[in-house]
Protein backbone atom coordinates (compact mmCIF):
# COMPACT_ATOMS: atom_id res chain seq x y z
CA MET A 1 25.64 10.77 -11.28
CA ALA A 2 23.79 8.46 -13.70
CA GLU A 3 24.87 4.83 -13.83
CA LEU A 4 26.88 3.92 -16.92
CA THR A 5 25.11 1.85 -19.58
CA ALA A 6 26.48 -1.52 -20.68
CA ALA A 7 27.75 0.13 -23.88
CA GLN A 8 29.57 2.84 -21.94
CA ARG A 9 31.09 0.28 -19.56
CA LEU A 10 32.28 -1.82 -22.50
CA LYS A 11 33.94 1.22 -24.08
CA ALA A 12 35.64 2.16 -20.80
CA MET A 13 36.84 -1.40 -20.31
CA ARG A 14 38.18 -1.63 -23.87
CA GLU A 15 40.03 1.71 -23.47
CA ARG A 16 41.46 0.51 -20.15
CA SER A 17 42.77 -2.59 -21.92
CA GLY A 18 44.73 -0.41 -24.35
CA LEU A 19 43.07 -2.00 -27.39
CA SER A 20 41.67 0.06 -30.26
CA ILE A 21 38.19 -0.69 -31.57
CA ARG A 22 39.66 -2.19 -34.75
CA LYS A 23 42.12 -4.36 -32.83
CA LEU A 24 39.51 -5.77 -30.45
CA ALA A 25 37.09 -6.36 -33.33
CA GLN A 26 39.78 -8.27 -35.23
CA GLU A 27 40.67 -10.38 -32.20
CA CYS A 28 36.96 -11.20 -31.80
CA GLY A 29 36.73 -12.51 -35.35
CA TYR A 30 34.99 -9.56 -37.04
CA GLY A 31 37.90 -8.99 -39.43
CA ASP A 32 37.45 -5.79 -41.42
CA LYS A 33 33.79 -5.51 -40.33
CA TRP A 34 34.83 -3.63 -37.20
CA THR A 35 31.79 -1.31 -37.36
CA THR A 36 29.67 -4.26 -36.22
CA TYR A 37 31.59 -4.36 -32.94
CA ARG A 38 31.66 -0.55 -32.68
CA ALA A 39 27.86 -0.44 -32.57
CA TYR A 40 27.96 -2.26 -29.22
CA GLU A 41 29.95 0.67 -27.78
CA ASP A 42 28.19 3.54 -29.54
CA THR A 43 24.51 2.75 -30.03
CA TYR A 44 23.56 -0.39 -28.10
CA LYS A 45 20.59 0.42 -25.84
CA LYS A 46 19.77 -2.78 -23.99
CA PRO A 47 20.77 -3.05 -20.30
CA TYR A 48 23.04 -6.04 -20.89
CA LEU A 49 25.28 -7.10 -23.77
CA PRO A 50 24.70 -10.45 -25.57
CA VAL A 51 26.31 -13.51 -24.01
CA ASP A 52 27.83 -14.49 -27.38
CA LEU A 53 29.64 -11.13 -27.60
CA ILE A 54 31.08 -11.53 -24.10
CA LYS A 55 32.43 -14.95 -25.01
CA LYS A 56 34.25 -13.35 -27.97
CA ILE A 57 35.80 -10.42 -26.10
CA LEU A 58 36.63 -12.25 -22.87
CA PRO A 59 40.05 -13.67 -23.95
CA SER A 60 41.15 -10.26 -25.28
CA LEU A 61 40.21 -8.17 -22.23
CA VAL A 62 40.93 -10.34 -19.20
CA ASP A 63 44.21 -9.46 -17.39
CA ARG A 64 44.80 -6.35 -19.52
CA GLY A 65 44.87 -2.80 -18.21
CA ASP A 66 45.65 -1.18 -14.88
CA PRO A 67 44.21 -2.54 -12.70
CA PRO A 68 43.94 -5.79 -14.69
CA ILE A 69 40.45 -6.53 -16.01
CA THR A 70 38.88 -9.54 -14.33
CA VAL A 71 36.69 -12.31 -15.70
CA GLU A 72 33.89 -11.16 -13.40
CA GLU A 73 34.04 -7.59 -14.75
CA VAL A 74 33.65 -8.71 -18.34
CA TRP A 75 30.81 -11.10 -17.57
CA SER A 76 28.99 -8.39 -15.64
CA LEU A 77 28.42 -6.62 -18.98
CA ALA A 78 26.01 -9.44 -19.81
CA GLY A 79 24.38 -9.31 -16.39
CA VAL A 80 26.24 -12.42 -15.29
CA LEU A 81 27.05 -12.10 -11.61
CA PRO A 82 28.23 -15.47 -10.30
CA GLY A 83 27.36 -15.22 -6.60
CA MET A 84 26.71 -18.65 -5.14
CA MET A 85 25.97 -20.26 -8.52
CA GLY A 86 29.36 -19.83 -10.15
CA ILE A 87 29.98 -18.24 -13.53
CA ASN A 88 29.29 -21.33 -15.66
CA ASP A 89 25.85 -21.92 -14.17
CA THR A 90 24.98 -18.23 -14.39
CA VAL A 91 26.08 -18.05 -18.04
CA GLU A 92 23.89 -21.06 -18.86
CA GLN A 93 20.97 -19.35 -17.14
CA ALA A 94 21.56 -16.14 -19.14
CA GLU A 95 21.70 -18.12 -22.39
CA ARG A 96 18.41 -19.83 -21.53
CA VAL A 97 16.85 -16.41 -20.93
CA ASN A 98 18.17 -15.19 -24.31
CA ARG A 99 16.73 -18.24 -26.08
CA HIS A 100 13.41 -17.78 -24.32
CA ASP A 101 13.26 -14.08 -25.25
CA ALA A 102 13.87 -14.93 -28.89
CA GLN A 103 10.84 -17.25 -29.08
CA PRO A 104 7.56 -15.61 -30.07
CA MET A 105 4.36 -16.33 -28.24
CA VAL A 106 2.01 -18.75 -29.98
CA GLY A 107 0.37 -16.94 -32.88
CA SER A 108 2.85 -14.04 -32.75
CA VAL A 109 5.91 -12.88 -34.66
CA VAL A 110 8.99 -11.29 -33.07
CA ILE A 111 10.45 -8.49 -35.23
CA ASN A 112 13.79 -6.84 -34.48
CA GLU A 113 14.18 -3.06 -34.53
CA TYR A 114 17.53 -2.01 -36.01
CA ASP A 115 19.69 1.04 -35.43
CA VAL A 116 20.14 2.98 -38.70
CA SER A 117 21.88 6.04 -37.23
CA PRO A 118 24.88 7.18 -39.35
CA GLN A 119 27.47 5.65 -37.03
CA ALA A 120 25.68 2.32 -36.62
CA GLY A 121 26.98 0.25 -39.52
CA GLY A 122 27.51 -0.29 -43.21
CA GLY A 123 25.32 -1.01 -46.19
CA ALA A 124 23.33 -4.01 -45.05
CA LEU A 125 20.51 -3.56 -42.57
CA THR A 126 20.15 -7.23 -41.58
CA ALA A 127 21.44 -10.64 -42.50
CA GLU A 128 18.22 -11.13 -44.50
CA ALA A 129 19.15 -8.04 -46.53
CA GLY A 130 22.52 -9.50 -47.47
CA GLY A 131 24.34 -8.45 -44.32
CA GLY A 132 26.22 -11.07 -42.36
CA ALA A 133 28.87 -9.37 -40.21
CA ASP A 134 27.94 -5.95 -41.61
CA GLN A 135 24.40 -5.94 -40.27
CA HIS A 136 23.17 -3.26 -37.90
CA THR A 137 22.62 -3.66 -34.17
CA SER A 138 19.22 -4.77 -32.94
CA LEU A 139 17.94 -2.21 -30.42
CA ALA A 140 14.70 -3.90 -29.42
CA SER A 141 12.13 -6.47 -30.51
CA TRP A 142 8.45 -6.07 -31.30
CA THR A 143 5.87 -8.85 -30.92
CA LEU A 144 2.92 -8.62 -33.30
CA PRO A 145 -0.01 -10.94 -34.06
CA LYS A 146 0.85 -13.29 -36.91
CA ALA A 147 -2.71 -13.40 -38.27
CA PHE A 148 -2.81 -9.59 -38.51
CA LEU A 149 0.47 -9.39 -40.45
CA GLU A 150 -0.52 -12.19 -42.82
CA ASN A 151 -3.42 -10.04 -44.03
CA TYR A 152 -0.88 -7.70 -45.64
CA ILE A 153 2.42 -9.59 -46.03
CA PRO A 154 2.61 -13.13 -47.41
CA ASP A 155 6.12 -13.90 -46.14
CA LEU A 156 6.89 -12.84 -42.56
CA SER A 157 10.43 -14.24 -42.38
CA GLY A 158 12.30 -11.04 -43.32
CA LEU A 159 10.54 -8.28 -41.40
CA ALA A 160 12.40 -5.53 -39.56
CA VAL A 161 11.53 -2.27 -37.81
CA VAL A 162 13.52 0.94 -38.28
CA ARG A 163 13.10 4.47 -36.96
CA VAL A 164 12.73 7.37 -39.36
CA LEU A 165 15.66 9.81 -39.22
CA GLY A 166 15.58 13.37 -40.57
CA ASN A 167 12.80 15.31 -42.26
CA SER A 168 13.30 14.44 -45.94
CA MET A 169 10.16 12.25 -45.99
CA GLU A 170 7.83 14.64 -44.13
CA PRO A 171 4.88 14.70 -43.86
CA ASP A 172 4.38 11.04 -44.87
CA PHE A 173 7.09 9.78 -42.52
CA MET A 174 7.94 11.96 -39.53
CA PRO A 175 11.23 11.82 -37.58
CA GLY A 176 11.01 9.23 -34.81
CA GLU A 177 8.23 7.19 -36.40
CA ARG A 178 8.79 3.44 -36.71
CA VAL A 179 8.24 1.74 -40.04
CA LEU A 180 7.89 -1.94 -40.89
CA VAL A 181 10.27 -3.16 -43.60
CA ASP A 182 10.16 -6.32 -45.71
CA THR A 183 13.89 -6.99 -46.12
CA ARG A 184 13.22 -9.78 -48.65
CA HIS A 185 11.90 -7.22 -51.16
CA ARG A 186 15.12 -5.75 -52.60
CA VAL A 187 14.09 -4.86 -56.15
CA PRO A 188 12.32 -1.48 -56.60
CA ASN A 189 9.35 -2.97 -58.43
CA PRO A 190 6.71 -1.75 -57.96
CA ASP A 191 7.68 1.86 -57.29
CA GLY A 192 7.33 2.68 -53.62
CA VAL A 193 9.10 3.58 -50.40
CA TYR A 194 12.26 1.61 -49.70
CA VAL A 195 15.08 1.47 -47.17
CA LEU A 196 18.41 1.79 -48.98
CA TRP A 197 22.12 2.40 -48.55
CA ASN A 198 23.15 5.43 -50.59
CA GLY A 199 26.89 5.18 -49.97
CA LEU A 200 26.82 7.32 -46.81
CA GLY A 201 24.06 5.83 -44.71
CA VAL A 202 20.80 3.90 -44.52
CA VAL A 203 17.89 6.12 -45.60
CA ILE A 204 14.18 5.86 -46.38
CA LYS A 205 13.22 7.16 -49.82
CA GLN A 206 10.71 6.80 -52.61
CA LEU A 207 12.18 4.84 -55.51
CA GLN A 208 10.94 5.04 -59.07
CA LEU A 209 12.46 3.01 -61.90
CA VAL A 210 13.23 5.04 -65.03
CA PRO A 211 11.23 3.35 -67.84
CA LYS A 212 13.29 1.52 -70.50
CA SER A 213 16.61 2.71 -69.05
CA LYS A 214 19.58 0.48 -69.94
CA PRO A 215 21.40 -0.11 -67.70
CA PRO A 216 18.54 0.34 -65.22
CA ARG A 217 18.35 3.73 -63.52
CA VAL A 218 16.23 4.77 -60.56
CA ARG A 219 14.93 8.08 -59.25
CA ILE A 220 15.45 8.69 -55.51
CA ILE A 221 12.65 10.96 -54.36
CA SER A 222 12.06 12.77 -51.06
CA VAL A 223 8.50 13.63 -50.06
CA ASN A 224 9.77 16.92 -48.61
CA SER A 225 10.02 19.17 -51.68
CA SER A 226 12.97 21.08 -50.24
CA TYR A 227 15.14 18.06 -51.06
CA PRO A 228 16.17 17.46 -54.69
CA THR A 229 15.34 14.32 -56.65
CA ASP A 230 18.37 12.24 -57.62
CA GLU A 231 18.72 9.84 -60.52
CA VAL A 232 21.36 7.11 -60.29
CA LEU A 233 22.22 3.72 -61.66
CA LEU A 234 20.32 1.01 -59.84
CA SER A 235 23.65 -0.76 -59.30
CA ASP A 236 24.92 2.25 -57.30
CA ILE A 237 22.48 1.76 -54.42
CA GLU A 238 21.87 -1.16 -52.09
CA ILE A 239 18.20 -1.78 -51.33
CA ASN A 240 17.56 -3.24 -47.88
CA GLY A 241 13.82 -3.70 -48.22
CA ARG A 242 10.43 -2.17 -48.95
CA VAL A 243 8.47 -0.19 -46.36
CA VAL A 244 5.21 -2.08 -45.90
CA GLY A 245 3.71 -0.24 -42.93
CA LYS A 246 4.19 2.29 -40.18
CA TRP A 247 2.93 3.03 -36.70
CA LEU A 248 0.62 6.02 -36.50
CA TRP A 249 -0.20 7.46 -33.07
CA LYS A 250 -3.10 9.84 -32.56
């Protein structure tokens, strides 16, 4: 039998506590943005959960359930196993590792890859795209040479990576391909390929402003001709950023 992932263990522990997702999210300070917490149970892929999340859920889970959930069980979700060091020392070590992982190598840029699957979150892709608590879960990080990126993108502070879902943008963007997104570019000018929230999910589409439209309207275009072109008010969509590159494997 395969070992449970950290996300699966968190879900099992939360269910054992008798708390609903919404209730635990509220107790952790997420308020109505409970989908942010839910992503840690549903789509989180890393082997261990963030230390900051464990600190939030610890008071709500410990001593609940049958048998009662222990401090050690909750901390184990972050890979914190006290042993001879004690929990406090081990937590400090884990936090140092997290800080180290977040620092790019000299001359490099660390770019987070975000989960845009339908169940992963709300309208905002990242905090840079206007997110805050509603931002999507980071699945991984990519380290790329700074000098290379600066040849194409003047401002590297708002870059993100997302995976293409579905076939609406074939053949230009195939399912499973990763694309590089400039989340600071949230106005569809010039026309191009953007990541946007359409009211149901985060999607990748061509956007084309309708000339002289007042109020401004935009055409949402799929490369795959089997999908219709939509025309909506610009105010009805939330643009998360412009696609500025993709990985092409041969």
